[in-house]
């Protein structure tokens, strides 16, 4: 399994990356509530891949925003091709 450097929380879980894989999903996408900064989120860091339906991607790598934004992941490239 590929090891990533220690990253800050803001970098590791940045869901606003322009390079994020379209197959990455998280609970917050399906919760129709407005963001309230005074309430702790219960859906933080619960990610899964559309293709495997688990937290492990088709390439046996971890499914989370930082890892799923890496341009060298074959599964990410395939997901982008399929989404076009």
N, C-alpha and C. Protein backbone atom coordinates (compact mmCIF):
# COMPACT_ATOMS: atom_id res chain seq x y z
N UNK A 1 0.85 -1.17 0.00
CA UNK A 1 0.00 0.00 0.00
C UNK A 1 0.90 1.24 0.00
N UNK A 2 0.52 2.21 -0.81
CA UNK A 2 1.30 3.43 -0.92
C UNK A 2 1.13 4.29 0.34
N UNK A 3 2.23 4.75 0.88
CA UNK A 3 2.21 5.60 2.07
C UNK A 3 2.27 7.07 1.66
N UNK A 4 1.47 7.90 2.30
CA UNK A 4 1.48 9.34 2.06
C UNK A 4 2.15 10.04 3.23
N UNK A 5 2.72 11.21 2.97
CA UNK A 5 3.34 11.95 4.08
C UNK A 5 2.27 12.41 5.07
N UNK A 6 2.70 12.73 6.28
CA UNK A 6 1.76 13.28 7.26
C UNK A 6 1.24 14.61 6.74
N UNK A 7 -0.04 14.74 6.70
CA UNK A 7 -0.67 15.93 6.13
C UNK A 7 -1.55 16.61 7.17
N UNK A 8 -1.72 17.89 6.99
CA UNK A 8 -2.64 18.60 7.88
C UNK A 8 -4.07 18.15 7.56
N UNK A 9 -4.94 18.30 8.51
CA UNK A 9 -6.35 17.93 8.34
C UNK A 9 -6.94 18.66 7.14
N UNK A 10 -6.63 19.94 7.00
CA UNK A 10 -7.20 20.75 5.92
C UNK A 10 -6.77 20.24 4.54
N UNK A 11 -5.57 19.73 4.42
CA UNK A 11 -5.08 19.21 3.14
C UNK A 11 -5.65 17.82 2.88
N UNK A 12 -5.59 16.95 3.87
CA UNK A 12 -6.00 15.55 3.69
C UNK A 12 -7.48 15.41 3.36
N UNK A 13 -8.32 16.25 3.94
CA UNK A 13 -9.76 16.11 3.75
C UNK A 13 -10.38 17.26 2.96
N UNK A 14 -9.61 17.89 2.09
CA UNK A 14 -10.10 18.99 1.26
C UNK A 14 -10.97 18.45 0.13
N UNK A 15 -12.27 18.61 0.25
CA UNK A 15 -13.18 18.12 -0.78
C UNK A 15 -13.38 19.12 -1.90
N UNK A 16 -12.68 20.24 -1.86
CA UNK A 16 -12.81 21.27 -2.89
C UNK A 16 -11.69 21.24 -3.92
N UNK A 17 -10.88 20.22 -3.90
CA UNK A 17 -9.78 20.10 -4.86
C UNK A 17 -10.35 19.97 -6.27
N UNK A 18 -9.80 20.72 -7.23
CA UNK A 18 -10.28 20.58 -8.62
C UNK A 18 -9.91 19.24 -9.24
N UNK A 19 -9.00 18.51 -8.62
CA UNK A 19 -8.53 17.22 -9.16
C UNK A 19 -9.21 16.02 -8.52
N UNK A 20 -10.21 16.24 -7.69
CA UNK A 20 -10.82 15.14 -6.95
C UNK A 20 -11.54 14.17 -7.91
N UNK A 21 -11.45 12.92 -7.61
CA UNK A 21 -12.06 11.87 -8.43
C UNK A 21 -13.58 11.97 -8.39
N UNK A 22 -14.25 11.87 -9.53
CA UNK A 22 -15.71 11.94 -9.53
C UNK A 22 -16.37 10.72 -8.88
N UNK A 23 -15.61 9.66 -8.62
CA UNK A 23 -16.17 8.46 -7.98
C UNK A 23 -16.12 8.54 -6.46
N UNK A 24 -15.49 9.58 -5.91
CA UNK A 24 -15.42 9.74 -4.46
C UNK A 24 -16.76 10.26 -3.94
N UNK A 25 -17.31 9.58 -2.96
CA UNK A 25 -18.56 10.02 -2.35
C UNK A 25 -18.41 10.08 -0.84
N UNK A 26 -19.28 10.85 -0.21
CA UNK A 26 -19.27 10.96 1.25
C UNK A 26 -20.68 11.25 1.72
N UNK A 27 -20.92 10.95 2.95
CA UNK A 27 -22.26 11.03 3.53
C UNK A 27 -22.88 12.42 3.37
N UNK A 28 -22.09 13.45 3.50
CA UNK A 28 -22.60 14.81 3.40
C UNK A 28 -23.22 15.15 2.07
N UNK A 29 -22.87 14.42 1.00
CA UNK A 29 -23.47 14.66 -0.30
C UNK A 29 -24.96 14.30 -0.30
N UNK A 30 -25.36 13.44 0.59
CA UNK A 30 -26.72 12.93 0.61
C UNK A 30 -27.53 13.44 1.80
N UNK A 31 -26.99 14.43 2.51
CA UNK A 31 -27.67 15.01 3.66
C UNK A 31 -28.16 16.40 3.26
N UNK A 32 -29.46 16.61 3.15
CA UNK A 32 -29.98 17.88 2.65
C UNK A 32 -30.02 19.01 3.69
N UNK A 33 -29.20 18.95 4.70
CA UNK A 33 -29.20 19.99 5.73
C UNK A 33 -28.23 21.11 5.36
N UNK A 34 -28.58 22.31 5.75
CA UNK A 34 -27.68 23.45 5.56
C UNK A 34 -26.54 23.36 6.55
N UNK A 35 -25.35 23.82 6.15
CA UNK A 35 -24.19 23.79 7.04
C UNK A 35 -24.43 24.72 8.23
N UNK A 36 -24.18 24.22 9.41
CA UNK A 36 -24.30 25.00 10.65
C UNK A 36 -22.99 24.85 11.41
N UNK A 37 -22.15 25.89 11.43
CA UNK A 37 -20.84 25.78 12.08
C UNK A 37 -20.91 25.55 13.59
N UNK A 38 -22.06 25.77 14.20
CA UNK A 38 -22.18 25.55 15.64
C UNK A 38 -22.48 24.09 15.99
N UNK A 39 -22.73 23.26 14.96
CA UNK A 39 -23.04 21.85 15.18
C UNK A 39 -21.92 21.00 14.59
N UNK A 40 -21.39 20.10 15.40
CA UNK A 40 -20.33 19.23 14.92
C UNK A 40 -20.88 18.28 13.85
N UNK A 41 -20.16 18.15 12.77
CA UNK A 41 -20.59 17.28 11.69
C UNK A 41 -20.44 15.82 12.09
N UNK A 42 -21.44 15.02 11.77
CA UNK A 42 -21.35 13.59 12.05
C UNK A 42 -20.91 12.82 10.81
N UNK A 43 -20.74 13.53 9.69
CA UNK A 43 -20.40 12.84 8.45
C UNK A 43 -18.97 13.10 7.99
N UNK A 44 -18.17 13.74 8.81
CA UNK A 44 -16.79 14.01 8.41
C UNK A 44 -16.01 12.71 8.25
N UNK A 45 -15.29 12.63 7.17
CA UNK A 45 -14.33 11.56 6.91
C UNK A 45 -14.95 10.19 6.72
N UNK A 46 -16.16 10.13 6.24
CA UNK A 46 -16.78 8.86 5.89
C UNK A 46 -16.89 8.83 4.37
N UNK A 47 -15.84 8.31 3.72
CA UNK A 47 -15.75 8.32 2.27
C UNK A 47 -15.83 6.91 1.72
N UNK A 48 -16.35 6.79 0.49
CA UNK A 48 -16.32 5.50 -0.21
C UNK A 48 -16.27 5.76 -1.71
N UNK A 49 -15.90 4.73 -2.42
CA UNK A 49 -15.77 4.78 -3.87
C UNK A 49 -17.06 4.26 -4.50
N UNK A 50 -17.53 4.91 -5.54
CA UNK A 50 -18.72 4.48 -6.25
C UNK A 50 -18.54 3.07 -6.81
N UNK A 51 -17.33 2.75 -7.23
CA UNK A 51 -17.10 1.47 -7.89
C UNK A 51 -16.96 0.30 -6.92
N UNK A 52 -16.37 0.52 -5.75
CA UNK A 52 -16.18 -0.58 -4.80
C UNK A 52 -17.19 -0.55 -3.67
N UNK A 53 -17.83 0.61 -3.45
CA UNK A 53 -18.77 0.80 -2.35
C UNK A 53 -18.11 0.57 -0.98
N UNK A 54 -16.79 0.79 -0.91
CA UNK A 54 -16.05 0.66 0.34
C UNK A 54 -15.06 1.82 0.44
N UNK A 55 -14.32 1.84 1.53
CA UNK A 55 -13.30 2.87 1.74
C UNK A 55 -11.98 2.51 1.05
N UNK A 56 -11.98 1.42 0.31
CA UNK A 56 -10.81 1.01 -0.47
C UNK A 56 -11.19 1.08 -1.94
N UNK A 57 -10.36 1.76 -2.74
CA UNK A 57 -10.66 1.92 -4.16
C UNK A 57 -10.32 0.69 -4.97
N UNK A 58 -10.61 0.72 -6.28
CA UNK A 58 -10.34 -0.40 -7.16
C UNK A 58 -8.85 -0.76 -7.24
N UNK A 59 -8.01 0.20 -6.91
CA UNK A 59 -6.55 -0.02 -6.93
C UNK A 59 -6.02 -0.43 -5.56
N UNK A 60 -6.91 -0.77 -4.64
CA UNK A 60 -6.57 -1.14 -3.26
C UNK A 60 -6.00 0.01 -2.45
N UNK A 61 -6.21 1.24 -2.91
CA UNK A 61 -5.76 2.41 -2.19
C UNK A 61 -6.88 3.01 -1.35
N UNK A 62 -6.49 3.80 -0.37
CA UNK A 62 -7.43 4.46 0.53
C UNK A 62 -8.30 5.46 -0.23
N UNK A 63 -9.56 5.51 0.11
CA UNK A 63 -10.51 6.43 -0.51
C UNK A 63 -10.72 7.60 0.44
N UNK A 64 -10.14 8.74 0.10
CA UNK A 64 -10.32 10.00 0.81
C UNK A 64 -9.87 11.11 -0.13
N UNK A 65 -10.27 12.35 0.11
CA UNK A 65 -10.02 13.42 -0.84
C UNK A 65 -8.56 13.56 -1.31
N UNK A 66 -7.60 13.54 -0.42
CA UNK A 66 -6.21 13.73 -0.84
C UNK A 66 -5.77 12.59 -1.75
N UNK A 67 -6.00 11.37 -1.33
CA UNK A 67 -5.58 10.21 -2.11
C UNK A 67 -6.33 10.14 -3.44
N UNK A 68 -7.58 10.52 -3.45
CA UNK A 68 -8.40 10.46 -4.66
C UNK A 68 -8.22 11.68 -5.56
N UNK A 69 -7.31 12.54 -5.22
CA UNK A 69 -6.97 13.69 -6.06
C UNK A 69 -5.62 13.49 -6.76
N UNK A 70 -4.97 12.38 -6.48
CA UNK A 70 -3.65 12.10 -7.07
C UNK A 70 -3.84 11.71 -8.53
N UNK A 71 -3.20 12.45 -9.42
CA UNK A 71 -3.36 12.23 -10.86
C UNK A 71 -2.77 10.91 -11.33
N UNK A 72 -1.92 10.28 -10.53
CA UNK A 72 -1.31 9.02 -10.96
C UNK A 72 -2.15 7.79 -10.61
N UNK A 73 -3.30 7.97 -10.00
CA UNK A 73 -4.17 6.82 -9.69
C UNK A 73 -4.93 6.42 -10.94
N UNK A 74 -4.73 5.19 -11.37
CA UNK A 74 -5.39 4.69 -12.59
C UNK A 74 -6.91 4.72 -12.46
N UNK A 75 -7.42 4.38 -11.29
CA UNK A 75 -8.87 4.35 -11.11
C UNK A 75 -9.47 5.75 -11.24
N UNK A 76 -8.73 6.78 -10.81
CA UNK A 76 -9.19 8.17 -10.94
C UNK A 76 -9.27 8.55 -12.41
N UNK A 77 -8.22 8.20 -13.16
CA UNK A 77 -8.21 8.50 -14.60
C UNK A 77 -9.37 7.81 -15.31
N UNK A 78 -9.64 6.57 -14.96
CA UNK A 78 -10.76 5.83 -15.58
C UNK A 78 -12.10 6.45 -15.22
N UNK A 79 -12.25 6.89 -13.98
CA UNK A 79 -13.51 7.51 -13.55
C UNK A 79 -13.73 8.82 -14.29
N UNK A 80 -12.68 9.59 -14.52
CA UNK A 80 -12.80 10.84 -15.26
C UNK A 80 -13.20 10.56 -16.71
N UNK A 81 -12.60 9.55 -17.32
CA UNK A 81 -12.96 9.17 -18.68
C UNK A 81 -14.43 8.76 -18.77
N UNK A 82 -14.91 8.01 -17.80
CA UNK A 82 -16.30 7.55 -17.83
C UNK A 82 -17.29 8.66 -17.55
N UNK A 83 -16.86 9.70 -16.85
CA UNK A 83 -17.78 10.80 -16.51
C UNK A 83 -17.92 11.83 -17.64
N UNK A 84 -17.12 11.69 -18.67
CA UNK A 84 -17.19 12.65 -19.80
C UNK A 84 -18.28 12.31 -20.76
